[in-house]
């Protein structure tokens, strides 16, 4: 099976410490998706949120709950 664009991005993220710092500084999944899109990965914030709580390519995706969001919206 061919890896998805999200998996390719996470593999790249696992190897790039500068990108890791940018991702950790991002506030929303959409901001992370924009970082990925700048590198040519066709992903959205929703794609990332669907992976919340799972690991892929050695990178763990964690969704932070923010006040005012709808619980369970992406899972």
N, C-alpha and C. Protein backbone atom coordinates (compact mmCIF):
# COMPACT_ATOMS: atom_id res chain seq x y z
N UNK A 1 0.85 -1.17 0.00
CA UNK A 1 0.00 0.00 0.00
C UNK A 1 0.90 1.24 0.00
N UNK A 2 0.54 2.23 -0.77
CA UNK A 2 1.30 3.47 -0.89
C UNK A 2 1.07 4.35 0.33
N UNK A 3 2.15 4.88 0.93
CA UNK A 3 1.97 5.78 2.08
C UNK A 3 1.23 7.06 1.68
N UNK A 4 0.43 7.57 2.58
CA UNK A 4 -0.35 8.78 2.31
C UNK A 4 0.55 10.01 2.42
N UNK A 5 0.09 11.16 1.90
CA UNK A 5 0.85 12.40 2.06
C UNK A 5 1.13 12.73 3.53
N UNK A 6 0.19 12.40 4.42
CA UNK A 6 0.40 12.66 5.85
C UNK A 6 1.55 11.81 6.36
N UNK A 7 1.58 10.54 5.97
CA UNK A 7 2.67 9.67 6.40
C UNK A 7 4.02 10.16 5.87
N UNK A 8 4.05 10.62 4.62
CA UNK A 8 5.28 11.18 4.05
C UNK A 8 5.72 12.41 4.84
N UNK A 9 4.77 13.27 5.18
CA UNK A 9 5.10 14.46 5.95
C UNK A 9 5.65 14.09 7.32
N UNK A 10 5.02 13.14 7.98
CA UNK A 10 5.48 12.73 9.32
C UNK A 10 6.86 12.10 9.26
N UNK A 11 7.16 11.36 8.20
CA UNK A 11 8.51 10.81 8.03
C UNK A 11 9.52 11.94 7.90
N UNK A 12 9.17 12.95 7.09
CA UNK A 12 10.04 14.11 6.90
C UNK A 12 10.21 14.85 8.23
N UNK A 13 9.13 15.02 8.95
CA UNK A 13 9.15 15.70 10.24
C UNK A 13 10.07 14.99 11.22
N UNK A 14 10.05 13.67 11.21
CA UNK A 14 10.89 12.89 12.12
C UNK A 14 12.38 13.07 11.88
N UNK A 15 12.75 13.51 10.67
CA UNK A 15 14.16 13.69 10.33
C UNK A 15 14.62 15.14 10.36
N UNK A 16 13.71 16.10 10.56
CA UNK A 16 14.05 17.52 10.43
C UNK A 16 13.82 18.27 11.75
N UNK A 17 14.88 18.50 12.53
CA UNK A 17 14.70 19.17 13.83
C UNK A 17 14.21 20.62 13.72
N UNK A 18 14.54 21.31 12.65
CA UNK A 18 14.06 22.69 12.47
C UNK A 18 12.55 22.67 12.25
N UNK A 19 12.07 21.76 11.43
CA UNK A 19 10.63 21.63 11.20
C UNK A 19 9.92 21.19 12.48
N UNK A 20 10.55 20.32 13.26
CA UNK A 20 9.95 19.90 14.53
C UNK A 20 9.71 21.10 15.44
N UNK A 21 10.66 22.03 15.50
CA UNK A 21 10.51 23.23 16.33
C UNK A 21 9.36 24.09 15.81
N UNK A 22 9.24 24.20 14.49
CA UNK A 22 8.14 25.00 13.91
C UNK A 22 6.79 24.36 14.22
N UNK A 23 6.72 23.04 14.12
CA UNK A 23 5.47 22.33 14.40
C UNK A 23 5.09 22.48 15.87
N UNK A 24 6.06 22.39 16.75
CA UNK A 24 5.77 22.53 18.18
C UNK A 24 5.33 23.95 18.52
N UNK A 25 5.77 24.93 17.74
CA UNK A 25 5.36 26.32 17.98
C UNK A 25 4.00 26.64 17.38
N UNK A 26 3.51 25.80 16.47
CA UNK A 26 2.22 26.03 15.83
C UNK A 26 1.10 25.84 16.86
N UNK A 27 0.06 26.64 16.72
CA UNK A 27 -1.05 26.60 17.67
C UNK A 27 -2.16 25.66 17.19
N UNK A 28 -2.37 25.58 15.89
CA UNK A 28 -3.48 24.78 15.36
C UNK A 28 -2.98 23.75 14.36
N UNK A 29 -3.82 22.76 14.11
CA UNK A 29 -3.50 21.75 13.10
C UNK A 29 -3.43 22.40 11.72
N UNK A 30 -4.23 23.43 11.48
CA UNK A 30 -4.18 24.13 10.20
C UNK A 30 -2.83 24.80 9.99
N UNK A 31 -2.23 25.33 11.05
CA UNK A 31 -0.90 25.93 10.94
C UNK A 31 0.14 24.87 10.58
N UNK A 32 0.02 23.70 11.18
CA UNK A 32 0.94 22.60 10.86
C UNK A 32 0.73 22.19 9.41
N UNK A 33 -0.52 22.12 8.98
CA UNK A 33 -0.82 21.75 7.59
C UNK A 33 -0.22 22.78 6.62
N UNK A 34 -0.26 24.05 6.96
CA UNK A 34 0.35 25.07 6.10
C UNK A 34 1.86 24.88 6.01
N UNK A 35 2.50 24.51 7.11
CA UNK A 35 3.93 24.20 7.07
C UNK A 35 4.19 23.03 6.11
N UNK A 36 3.35 22.03 6.19
CA UNK A 36 3.49 20.85 5.32
C UNK A 36 3.26 21.24 3.86
N UNK A 37 2.26 22.07 3.62
CA UNK A 37 1.94 22.48 2.25
C UNK A 37 3.09 23.30 1.64
N UNK A 38 3.75 24.11 2.46
CA UNK A 38 4.91 24.87 1.98
C UNK A 38 6.02 23.95 1.51
N UNK A 39 6.07 22.75 2.05
CA UNK A 39 7.08 21.76 1.67
C UNK A 39 6.59 20.83 0.56
N UNK A 40 5.35 21.04 0.08
CA UNK A 40 4.82 20.26 -1.03
C UNK A 40 3.97 19.07 -0.63
N UNK A 41 3.60 18.95 0.63
CA UNK A 41 2.75 17.85 1.08
C UNK A 41 1.29 18.31 1.07
N UNK A 42 0.45 17.61 0.33
CA UNK A 42 -0.96 17.98 0.19
C UNK A 42 -1.77 17.39 1.34
N UNK A 43 -1.76 18.09 2.48
CA UNK A 43 -2.52 17.63 3.64
C UNK A 43 -3.29 18.81 4.24
N UNK A 44 -4.28 18.48 5.05
CA UNK A 44 -5.08 19.50 5.72
C UNK A 44 -4.98 19.31 7.23
N UNK A 45 -5.45 20.31 7.95
CA UNK A 45 -5.49 20.20 9.41
C UNK A 45 -6.37 19.03 9.84
N UNK A 46 -7.45 18.80 9.12
CA UNK A 46 -8.34 17.69 9.45
C UNK A 46 -7.64 16.35 9.30
N UNK A 47 -6.79 16.23 8.26
CA UNK A 47 -6.02 14.99 8.08
C UNK A 47 -5.18 14.71 9.32
N UNK A 48 -4.55 15.75 9.84
CA UNK A 48 -3.70 15.59 11.02
C UNK A 48 -4.53 15.24 12.25
N UNK A 49 -5.67 15.91 12.41
CA UNK A 49 -6.50 15.66 13.58
C UNK A 49 -7.06 14.25 13.60
N UNK A 50 -7.26 13.67 12.43
CA UNK A 50 -7.77 12.29 12.37
C UNK A 50 -6.74 11.29 12.91
N UNK A 51 -5.47 11.68 12.96
CA UNK A 51 -4.42 10.80 13.49
C UNK A 51 -4.17 11.00 14.97
N UNK A 52 -4.91 11.88 15.60
CA UNK A 52 -4.67 12.19 17.01
C UNK A 52 -4.65 10.93 17.87
N UNK A 53 -3.62 10.86 18.71
CA UNK A 53 -3.47 9.73 19.61
C UNK A 53 -2.72 8.56 19.01
N UNK A 54 -2.34 8.66 17.75
CA UNK A 54 -1.61 7.58 17.09
C UNK A 54 -0.21 8.02 16.72
N UNK A 55 0.62 7.06 16.45
CA UNK A 55 1.99 7.32 15.99
C UNK A 55 2.12 6.85 14.56
N UNK A 56 2.87 7.61 13.78
CA UNK A 56 3.17 7.23 12.41
C UNK A 56 4.58 7.69 12.10
N UNK A 57 5.36 6.83 11.52
CA UNK A 57 6.75 7.14 11.15
C UNK A 57 7.57 7.64 12.34
N UNK A 58 7.25 7.12 13.52
CA UNK A 58 8.00 7.50 14.72
C UNK A 58 7.60 8.84 15.31
N UNK A 59 6.53 9.44 14.78
CA UNK A 59 6.05 10.74 15.27
C UNK A 59 4.67 10.52 15.87
N UNK A 60 4.48 10.99 17.10
CA UNK A 60 3.17 10.85 17.76
C UNK A 60 2.36 12.13 17.53
N UNK A 61 1.13 11.96 17.07
CA UNK A 61 0.22 13.08 16.81
C UNK A 61 -0.69 13.22 18.02
N UNK A 62 -0.70 14.41 18.60
CA UNK A 62 -1.51 14.67 19.78
C UNK A 62 -2.35 15.91 19.56
N UNK A 63 -3.62 15.77 19.75
CA UNK A 63 -4.56 16.89 19.63
C UNK A 63 -4.75 17.50 21.00
N UNK A 64 -4.57 18.81 21.08
CA UNK A 64 -4.81 19.52 22.34
C UNK A 64 -6.22 20.09 22.31
N UNK A 65 -6.96 19.91 23.39
CA UNK A 65 -8.30 20.48 23.48
C UNK A 65 -8.20 21.94 23.88
N UNK A 66 -8.89 22.77 23.13
CA UNK A 66 -8.93 24.20 23.41
C UNK A 66 -10.34 24.58 23.86
N UNK A 67 -10.47 25.51 24.79
CA UNK A 67 -11.80 25.92 25.23
C UNK A 67 -12.64 26.42 24.05
N UNK A 68 -13.89 26.01 24.03
CA UNK A 68 -14.81 26.45 23.00
C UNK A 68 -14.91 25.51 21.82
N UNK A 69 -14.09 24.47 21.77
CA UNK A 69 -14.18 23.51 20.68
C UNK A 69 -15.24 22.47 21.01
N UNK A 70 -15.73 21.84 19.98
CA UNK A 70 -16.71 20.79 20.17
C UNK A 70 -16.01 19.48 20.48
N UNK A 71 -16.27 18.88 21.65
CA UNK A 71 -15.62 17.61 21.98
C UNK A 71 -16.05 16.51 21.00
N UNK A 72 -15.10 15.69 20.61
CA UNK A 72 -15.41 14.56 19.72
C UNK A 72 -15.58 14.93 18.28
N UNK A 73 -15.28 16.14 17.90
CA UNK A 73 -15.52 16.58 16.53
C UNK A 73 -14.72 15.78 15.50
N UNK A 74 -13.50 15.39 15.84
CA UNK A 74 -12.63 14.74 14.86
C UNK A 74 -12.38 13.28 15.14
N UNK A 75 -13.10 12.68 16.08
CA UNK A 75 -12.88 11.27 16.36
C UNK A 75 -14.16 10.61 16.73
